[in-house]
N, C-alpha and C. Protein backbone atom coordinates (compact mmCIF):
# COMPACT_ATOMS: atom_id res chain seq x y z
N UNK A 1 0.83 -1.21 0.00
CA UNK A 1 0.00 0.00 0.00
C UNK A 1 0.87 1.26 0.00
N UNK A 2 1.89 1.26 0.87
CA UNK A 2 2.77 2.42 0.92
C UNK A 2 3.56 2.55 -0.38
N UNK A 3 3.97 1.43 -0.94
CA UNK A 3 4.71 1.46 -2.21
C UNK A 3 3.87 2.12 -3.29
N UNK A 4 2.61 1.73 -3.36
CA UNK A 4 1.70 2.27 -4.37
C UNK A 4 1.60 3.79 -4.23
N UNK A 5 1.43 4.27 -3.03
CA UNK A 5 1.29 5.72 -2.79
C UNK A 5 2.57 6.46 -3.15
N UNK A 6 3.71 5.96 -2.73
CA UNK A 6 4.98 6.63 -3.02
C UNK A 6 5.25 6.64 -4.53
N UNK A 7 4.98 5.52 -5.20
CA UNK A 7 5.19 5.48 -6.66
C UNK A 7 4.24 6.45 -7.37
N UNK A 8 3.02 6.56 -6.88
CA UNK A 8 2.07 7.49 -7.50
C UNK A 8 2.49 8.94 -7.28
N UNK A 9 2.94 9.25 -6.07
CA UNK A 9 3.38 10.62 -5.78
C UNK A 9 4.62 10.97 -6.60
N UNK A 10 5.62 10.08 -6.58
CA UNK A 10 6.84 10.32 -7.36
C UNK A 10 6.53 10.39 -8.86
N UNK A 11 5.70 9.48 -9.33
CA UNK A 11 5.33 9.47 -10.74
C UNK A 11 4.64 10.76 -11.14
N UNK A 12 3.75 11.24 -10.30
CA UNK A 12 3.04 12.49 -10.58
C UNK A 12 4.00 13.67 -10.60
N UNK A 13 4.91 13.72 -9.62
CA UNK A 13 5.87 14.81 -9.54
C UNK A 13 6.80 14.80 -10.75
N UNK A 14 7.30 13.62 -11.11
CA UNK A 14 8.21 13.53 -12.27
C UNK A 14 7.49 13.90 -13.57
N UNK A 15 6.28 13.41 -13.75
CA UNK A 15 5.53 13.74 -14.97
C UNK A 15 5.23 15.23 -15.03
N UNK A 16 4.82 15.79 -13.91
CA UNK A 16 4.55 17.23 -13.85
C UNK A 16 5.83 18.03 -14.11
N UNK A 17 6.93 17.60 -13.52
CA UNK A 17 8.20 18.28 -13.72
C UNK A 17 8.59 18.23 -15.20
N UNK A 18 8.39 17.08 -15.84
CA UNK A 18 8.69 16.96 -17.26
C UNK A 18 7.84 17.89 -18.11
N UNK A 19 6.54 17.95 -17.80
CA UNK A 19 5.65 18.84 -18.54
C UNK A 19 5.98 20.30 -18.32
N UNK A 20 6.23 20.67 -17.06
CA UNK A 20 6.56 22.06 -16.75
C UNK A 20 7.90 22.45 -17.37
N UNK A 21 8.79 21.48 -17.51
CA UNK A 21 10.07 21.75 -18.15
C UNK A 21 9.90 22.24 -19.57
N UNK A 22 8.91 21.68 -20.27
CA UNK A 22 8.64 22.13 -21.63
C UNK A 22 8.08 23.56 -21.63
N UNK A 23 7.23 23.85 -20.66
CA UNK A 23 6.59 25.17 -20.61
C UNK A 23 7.57 26.27 -20.20
N UNK A 24 8.51 25.94 -19.31
CA UNK A 24 9.39 26.96 -18.76
C UNK A 24 10.84 26.83 -19.21
N UNK A 25 11.07 26.15 -20.32
CA UNK A 25 12.45 25.94 -20.77
C UNK A 25 13.15 27.24 -21.15
N UNK A 26 12.40 28.29 -21.43
CA UNK A 26 13.00 29.58 -21.77
C UNK A 26 13.32 30.43 -20.56
N UNK A 27 12.88 30.02 -19.37
CA UNK A 27 13.11 30.78 -18.15
C UNK A 27 14.55 30.56 -17.69
N UNK A 28 15.35 31.61 -17.72
CA UNK A 28 16.78 31.49 -17.41
C UNK A 28 17.02 31.05 -15.96
N UNK A 29 16.27 31.58 -15.01
CA UNK A 29 16.45 31.23 -13.60
C UNK A 29 16.18 29.75 -13.38
N UNK A 30 15.04 29.26 -13.87
CA UNK A 30 14.71 27.84 -13.71
C UNK A 30 15.69 26.95 -14.46
N UNK A 31 16.11 27.40 -15.62
CA UNK A 31 17.04 26.63 -16.42
C UNK A 31 18.39 26.48 -15.70
N UNK A 32 18.82 27.54 -15.00
CA UNK A 32 20.06 27.46 -14.23
C UNK A 32 19.93 26.50 -13.05
N UNK A 33 18.75 26.42 -12.46
CA UNK A 33 18.53 25.51 -11.32
C UNK A 33 18.37 24.06 -11.75
N UNK A 34 17.61 23.83 -12.82
CA UNK A 34 17.23 22.48 -13.20
C UNK A 34 17.79 22.00 -14.53
N UNK A 35 18.34 22.90 -15.32
CA UNK A 35 18.80 22.60 -16.68
C UNK A 35 17.71 21.89 -17.47
N UNK A 36 16.75 22.64 -17.91
CA UNK A 36 15.55 22.13 -18.58
C UNK A 36 15.82 21.89 -20.06
N UNK A 37 16.38 20.75 -20.38
CA UNK A 37 16.63 20.39 -21.78
C UNK A 37 15.55 19.44 -22.27
N UNK A 38 15.45 19.29 -23.56
CA UNK A 38 14.48 18.38 -24.15
C UNK A 38 14.67 16.97 -23.62
N UNK A 39 15.90 16.49 -23.61
CA UNK A 39 16.20 15.14 -23.13
C UNK A 39 15.81 14.96 -21.67
N UNK A 40 16.19 15.93 -20.84
CA UNK A 40 15.89 15.85 -19.41
C UNK A 40 14.38 15.86 -19.17
N UNK A 41 13.68 16.73 -19.87
CA UNK A 41 12.22 16.80 -19.73
C UNK A 41 11.56 15.49 -20.17
N UNK A 42 12.01 14.95 -21.29
CA UNK A 42 11.44 13.69 -21.77
C UNK A 42 11.71 12.53 -20.80
N UNK A 43 12.91 12.49 -20.24
CA UNK A 43 13.24 11.42 -19.28
C UNK A 43 12.39 11.52 -18.03
N UNK A 44 12.16 12.74 -17.54
CA UNK A 44 11.30 12.89 -16.36
C UNK A 44 9.85 12.54 -16.69
N UNK A 45 9.39 12.95 -17.84
CA UNK A 45 8.03 12.63 -18.26
C UNK A 45 7.85 11.13 -18.41
N UNK A 46 8.79 10.47 -19.03
CA UNK A 46 8.74 9.02 -19.21
C UNK A 46 8.84 8.29 -17.87
N UNK A 47 9.75 8.72 -17.02
CA UNK A 47 9.89 8.11 -15.69
C UNK A 47 8.58 8.23 -14.91
N UNK A 48 8.00 9.42 -14.93
CA UNK A 48 6.74 9.63 -14.22
C UNK A 48 5.62 8.77 -14.76
N UNK A 49 5.52 8.67 -16.07
CA UNK A 49 4.47 7.84 -16.68
C UNK A 49 4.65 6.36 -16.31
N UNK A 50 5.88 5.89 -16.33
CA UNK A 50 6.13 4.49 -15.98
C UNK A 50 5.77 4.23 -14.52
N UNK A 51 6.22 5.11 -13.62
CA UNK A 51 5.92 4.91 -12.20
C UNK A 51 4.41 4.95 -11.94
N UNK A 52 3.72 5.87 -12.59
CA UNK A 52 2.27 5.92 -12.43
C UNK A 52 1.60 4.66 -12.99
N UNK A 53 2.09 4.20 -14.13
CA UNK A 53 1.50 3.03 -14.76
C UNK A 53 1.67 1.75 -13.96
N UNK A 54 2.82 1.56 -13.35
CA UNK A 54 3.08 0.31 -12.63
C UNK A 54 2.64 0.37 -11.17
N UNK A 55 2.27 1.53 -10.69
CA UNK A 55 1.94 1.67 -9.27
C UNK A 55 0.73 0.84 -8.86
N UNK A 56 -0.12 0.49 -9.78
CA UNK A 56 -1.32 -0.28 -9.45
C UNK A 56 -1.10 -1.78 -9.44
N UNK A 57 0.07 -2.23 -9.83
CA UNK A 57 0.38 -3.65 -9.87
C UNK A 57 1.53 -3.93 -8.90
N UNK A 58 1.30 -4.77 -7.90
CA UNK A 58 2.31 -5.02 -6.87
C UNK A 58 3.61 -5.56 -7.45
N UNK A 59 3.51 -6.53 -8.34
CA UNK A 59 4.70 -7.17 -8.91
C UNK A 59 5.53 -6.17 -9.72
N UNK A 60 4.87 -5.45 -10.63
CA UNK A 60 5.58 -4.49 -11.48
C UNK A 60 5.99 -3.24 -10.71
N UNK A 61 5.20 -2.87 -9.71
CA UNK A 61 5.56 -1.74 -8.86
C UNK A 61 6.83 -2.02 -8.08
N UNK A 62 6.95 -3.24 -7.56
CA UNK A 62 8.16 -3.64 -6.84
C UNK A 62 9.37 -3.63 -7.77
N UNK A 63 9.21 -4.21 -8.95
CA UNK A 63 10.30 -4.25 -9.92
C UNK A 63 10.70 -2.84 -10.35
N UNK A 64 9.72 -1.98 -10.61
CA UNK A 64 10.01 -0.60 -11.02
C UNK A 64 10.69 0.18 -9.90
N UNK A 65 10.23 0.00 -8.66
CA UNK A 65 10.84 0.71 -7.54
C UNK A 65 12.31 0.33 -7.40
N UNK A 66 12.60 -0.95 -7.49
CA UNK A 66 13.99 -1.41 -7.39
C UNK A 66 14.83 -0.90 -8.57
N UNK A 67 14.29 -1.01 -9.77
CA UNK A 67 15.01 -0.59 -10.97
C UNK A 67 15.27 0.92 -10.95
N UNK A 68 14.22 1.70 -10.67
CA UNK A 68 14.39 3.15 -10.64
C UNK A 68 15.31 3.57 -9.50
N UNK A 69 15.22 2.89 -8.37
CA UNK A 69 16.12 3.20 -7.25
C UNK A 69 17.57 3.03 -7.63
N UNK A 70 17.88 1.92 -8.27
CA UNK A 70 19.26 1.65 -8.69
C UNK A 70 19.69 2.63 -9.77
N UNK A 71 18.82 2.87 -10.76
CA UNK A 71 19.16 3.80 -11.85
C UNK A 71 19.37 5.23 -11.34
N UNK A 72 18.47 5.71 -10.49
CA UNK A 72 18.61 7.08 -10.00
C UNK A 72 19.80 7.21 -9.05
N UNK A 73 20.13 6.15 -8.31
CA UNK A 73 21.33 6.18 -7.48
C UNK A 73 22.57 6.24 -8.37
N UNK A 74 22.58 5.44 -9.42
CA UNK A 74 23.69 5.46 -10.37
C UNK A 74 23.83 6.84 -11.03
N UNK A 75 22.71 7.40 -11.46
CA UNK A 75 22.72 8.74 -12.07
C UNK A 75 23.25 9.77 -11.07
N UNK A 76 22.84 9.65 -9.81
CA UNK A 76 23.28 10.59 -8.78
C UNK A 76 24.77 10.51 -8.55
N UNK A 77 25.29 9.30 -8.44
CA UNK A 77 26.72 9.12 -8.20
C UNK A 77 27.53 9.59 -9.41
N UNK A 78 27.08 9.20 -10.60
CA UNK A 78 27.77 9.65 -11.82
C UNK A 78 27.71 11.17 -11.97
N UNK A 79 26.61 11.77 -11.54
CA UNK A 79 26.48 13.22 -11.60
C UNK A 79 27.45 13.93 -10.68
N UNK A 80 27.87 13.28 -9.60
CA UNK A 80 28.87 13.86 -8.71
C UNK A 80 30.25 13.86 -9.36
N UNK A 81 30.47 12.87 -10.21
CA UNK A 81 31.76 12.73 -10.88
C UNK A 81 31.86 13.62 -12.11
N UNK A 82 30.78 13.65 -12.89
CA UNK A 82 30.77 14.40 -14.14
C UNK A 82 29.40 15.05 -14.29
N UNK A 83 29.36 16.37 -14.44
CA UNK A 83 28.06 17.04 -14.46
C UNK A 83 27.36 17.02 -15.82
N UNK A 84 27.96 16.41 -16.84
CA UNK A 84 27.25 16.21 -18.10
C UNK A 84 27.10 14.71 -18.30
N UNK A 85 25.99 14.20 -17.89
CA UNK A 85 25.72 12.77 -17.88
C UNK A 85 25.64 12.23 -19.30
N UNK A 86 26.68 11.50 -19.71
CA UNK A 86 26.74 10.87 -21.02
C UNK A 86 26.51 11.86 -22.16
N UNK A 87 26.70 13.13 -21.88
CA UNK A 87 26.46 14.15 -22.89
C UNK A 87 24.98 14.39 -23.16
N UNK A 88 24.10 13.75 -22.38
CA UNK A 88 22.66 13.88 -22.60
C UNK A 88 22.10 15.15 -21.98
N UNK A 89 22.52 15.45 -20.76
CA UNK A 89 22.04 16.64 -20.08
C UNK A 89 23.00 17.01 -18.97
N UNK A 90 22.92 18.26 -18.56
CA UNK A 90 23.76 18.78 -17.49
C UNK A 90 23.05 18.56 -16.16
N UNK A 91 23.82 18.10 -15.19
CA UNK A 91 23.28 17.86 -13.86
C UNK A 91 23.67 19.03 -12.97
N UNK A 92 22.68 19.67 -12.37
CA UNK A 92 22.93 20.78 -11.46
C UNK A 92 22.91 20.26 -10.02
N UNK A 93 23.45 21.02 -9.07
CA UNK A 93 23.43 20.56 -7.67
C UNK A 93 22.02 20.28 -7.15
N UNK A 94 21.07 21.12 -7.54
CA UNK A 94 19.68 20.89 -7.10
C UNK A 94 19.14 19.58 -7.67
N UNK A 95 19.45 19.31 -8.92
CA UNK A 95 19.00 18.05 -9.53
C UNK A 95 19.67 16.85 -8.87
N UNK A 96 20.90 17.01 -8.42
CA UNK A 96 21.59 15.94 -7.69
C UNK A 96 20.80 15.57 -6.44
N UNK A 97 20.38 16.60 -5.70
CA UNK A 97 19.60 16.37 -4.48
C UNK A 97 18.30 15.66 -4.82
N UNK A 98 17.61 16.13 -5.85
CA UNK A 98 16.34 15.52 -6.27
C UNK A 98 16.57 14.06 -6.69
N UNK A 99 17.62 13.79 -7.44
CA UNK A 99 17.89 12.42 -7.88
C UNK A 99 18.23 11.51 -6.70
N UNK A 100 18.97 12.02 -5.72
CA UNK A 100 19.27 11.22 -4.53
C UNK A 100 17.99 10.93 -3.72
N UNK A 101 17.09 11.89 -3.63
CA UNK A 101 15.82 11.68 -2.91
C UNK A 101 14.98 10.63 -3.63
N UNK A 102 14.88 10.72 -4.94
CA UNK A 102 14.13 9.72 -5.71
C UNK A 102 14.75 8.34 -5.52
N UNK A 103 16.07 8.27 -5.58
CA UNK A 103 16.77 6.99 -5.39
C UNK A 103 16.47 6.43 -4.01
N UNK A 104 16.56 7.26 -2.97
CA UNK A 104 16.33 6.79 -1.60
C UNK A 104 14.90 6.29 -1.41
N UNK A 105 13.94 7.04 -1.91
CA UNK A 105 12.53 6.64 -1.74
C UNK A 105 12.21 5.35 -2.51
N UNK A 106 12.66 5.27 -3.75
CA UNK A 106 12.34 4.09 -4.54
C UNK A 106 13.10 2.86 -4.03
N UNK A 107 14.33 3.03 -3.58
CA UNK A 107 15.05 1.89 -3.00
C UNK A 107 14.38 1.44 -1.71
N UNK A 108 13.92 2.40 -0.91
CA UNK A 108 13.24 2.07 0.34
C UNK A 108 11.99 1.22 0.08
N UNK A 109 11.12 1.70 -0.81
CA UNK A 109 9.88 0.95 -1.05
C UNK A 109 10.13 -0.29 -1.89
N UNK A 110 11.22 -0.31 -2.63
CA UNK A 110 11.52 -1.48 -3.45
C UNK A 110 12.09 -2.64 -2.67
N UNK A 111 12.80 -2.33 -1.58
CA UNK A 111 13.45 -3.40 -0.82
C UNK A 111 12.91 -3.56 0.59
N UNK A 112 11.96 -2.72 0.99
CA UNK A 112 11.36 -2.83 2.31
C UNK A 112 10.41 -4.02 2.35
N UNK A 113 10.50 -4.76 3.41
CA UNK A 113 9.61 -5.91 3.60
C UNK A 113 8.23 -5.38 3.98
N UNK A 114 7.23 -5.85 3.29
CA UNK A 114 5.84 -5.43 3.57
C UNK A 114 5.29 -6.27 4.72
N UNK A 115 5.25 -5.68 5.94
CA UNK A 115 4.78 -6.42 7.10
C UNK A 115 3.26 -6.59 7.11
N UNK A 116 2.54 -5.58 6.66
CA UNK A 116 1.08 -5.65 6.67
C UNK A 116 0.58 -6.79 5.81
N UNK A 117 1.23 -7.02 4.68
CA UNK A 117 0.81 -8.08 3.78
C UNK A 117 1.08 -9.45 4.41
N UNK A 118 2.24 -9.62 5.07
CA UNK A 118 2.55 -10.91 5.67
C UNK A 118 1.67 -11.18 6.88
N UNK A 119 1.27 -10.12 7.63
CA UNK A 119 0.35 -10.30 8.75
C UNK A 119 -1.01 -10.72 8.25
N UNK A 120 -1.49 -10.13 7.16
CA UNK A 120 -2.77 -10.49 6.59
C UNK A 120 -2.75 -11.93 6.11
N UNK A 121 -1.67 -12.35 5.49
CA UNK A 121 -1.55 -13.71 5.01
C UNK A 121 -1.54 -14.70 6.16
N UNK A 122 -0.81 -14.41 7.24
CA UNK A 122 -0.75 -15.33 8.37
C UNK A 122 -2.07 -15.40 9.10
N UNK A 123 -2.78 -14.27 9.24
CA UNK A 123 -4.07 -14.28 9.92
C UNK A 123 -5.12 -15.01 9.07
N UNK A 124 -5.03 -14.91 7.75
CA UNK A 124 -5.92 -15.64 6.86
C UNK A 124 -5.66 -17.14 6.97
N UNK A 125 -4.42 -17.51 7.06
CA UNK A 125 -4.08 -18.93 7.19
C UNK A 125 -4.57 -19.49 8.52
N UNK A 126 -4.48 -18.70 9.59
CA UNK A 126 -4.96 -19.15 10.90
C UNK A 126 -6.47 -19.34 10.90
N UNK A 127 -7.21 -18.48 10.23
CA UNK A 127 -8.65 -18.58 10.14
C UNK A 127 -9.05 -19.83 9.37
N UNK A 128 -8.31 -20.16 8.32
CA UNK A 128 -8.64 -21.32 7.48
C UNK A 128 -8.39 -22.63 8.22
N UNK A 129 -7.49 -22.64 9.18
CA UNK A 129 -7.17 -23.89 9.90
C UNK A 129 -8.17 -24.13 10.94
């Protein structure tokens, strides 16, 4: 349940950020903070759409949370080393913080043991016996 909510919130934020990036790409102040490039906007829009799409399925939500957690952690670490990630887009300090937060949240929900689900399963099994 918590995984679904976090994936939906992150997915919504990323999709919104991607869309707003297209609208405000000419704004110099925002561009200096976030580096709003076509590639960066498309990646955030795609990431958000994927997270929103898989959030309703436990199996795919778990897989997406783990995958995105590892990818965003890798992007964050690589961004510390080189601020032009593969020549695709420039990573700013603010974006580094955002990428680390996304990595932490998705890794947390991707690898956290769901206690509520196991309690429900064990109580159901006790009732059946």
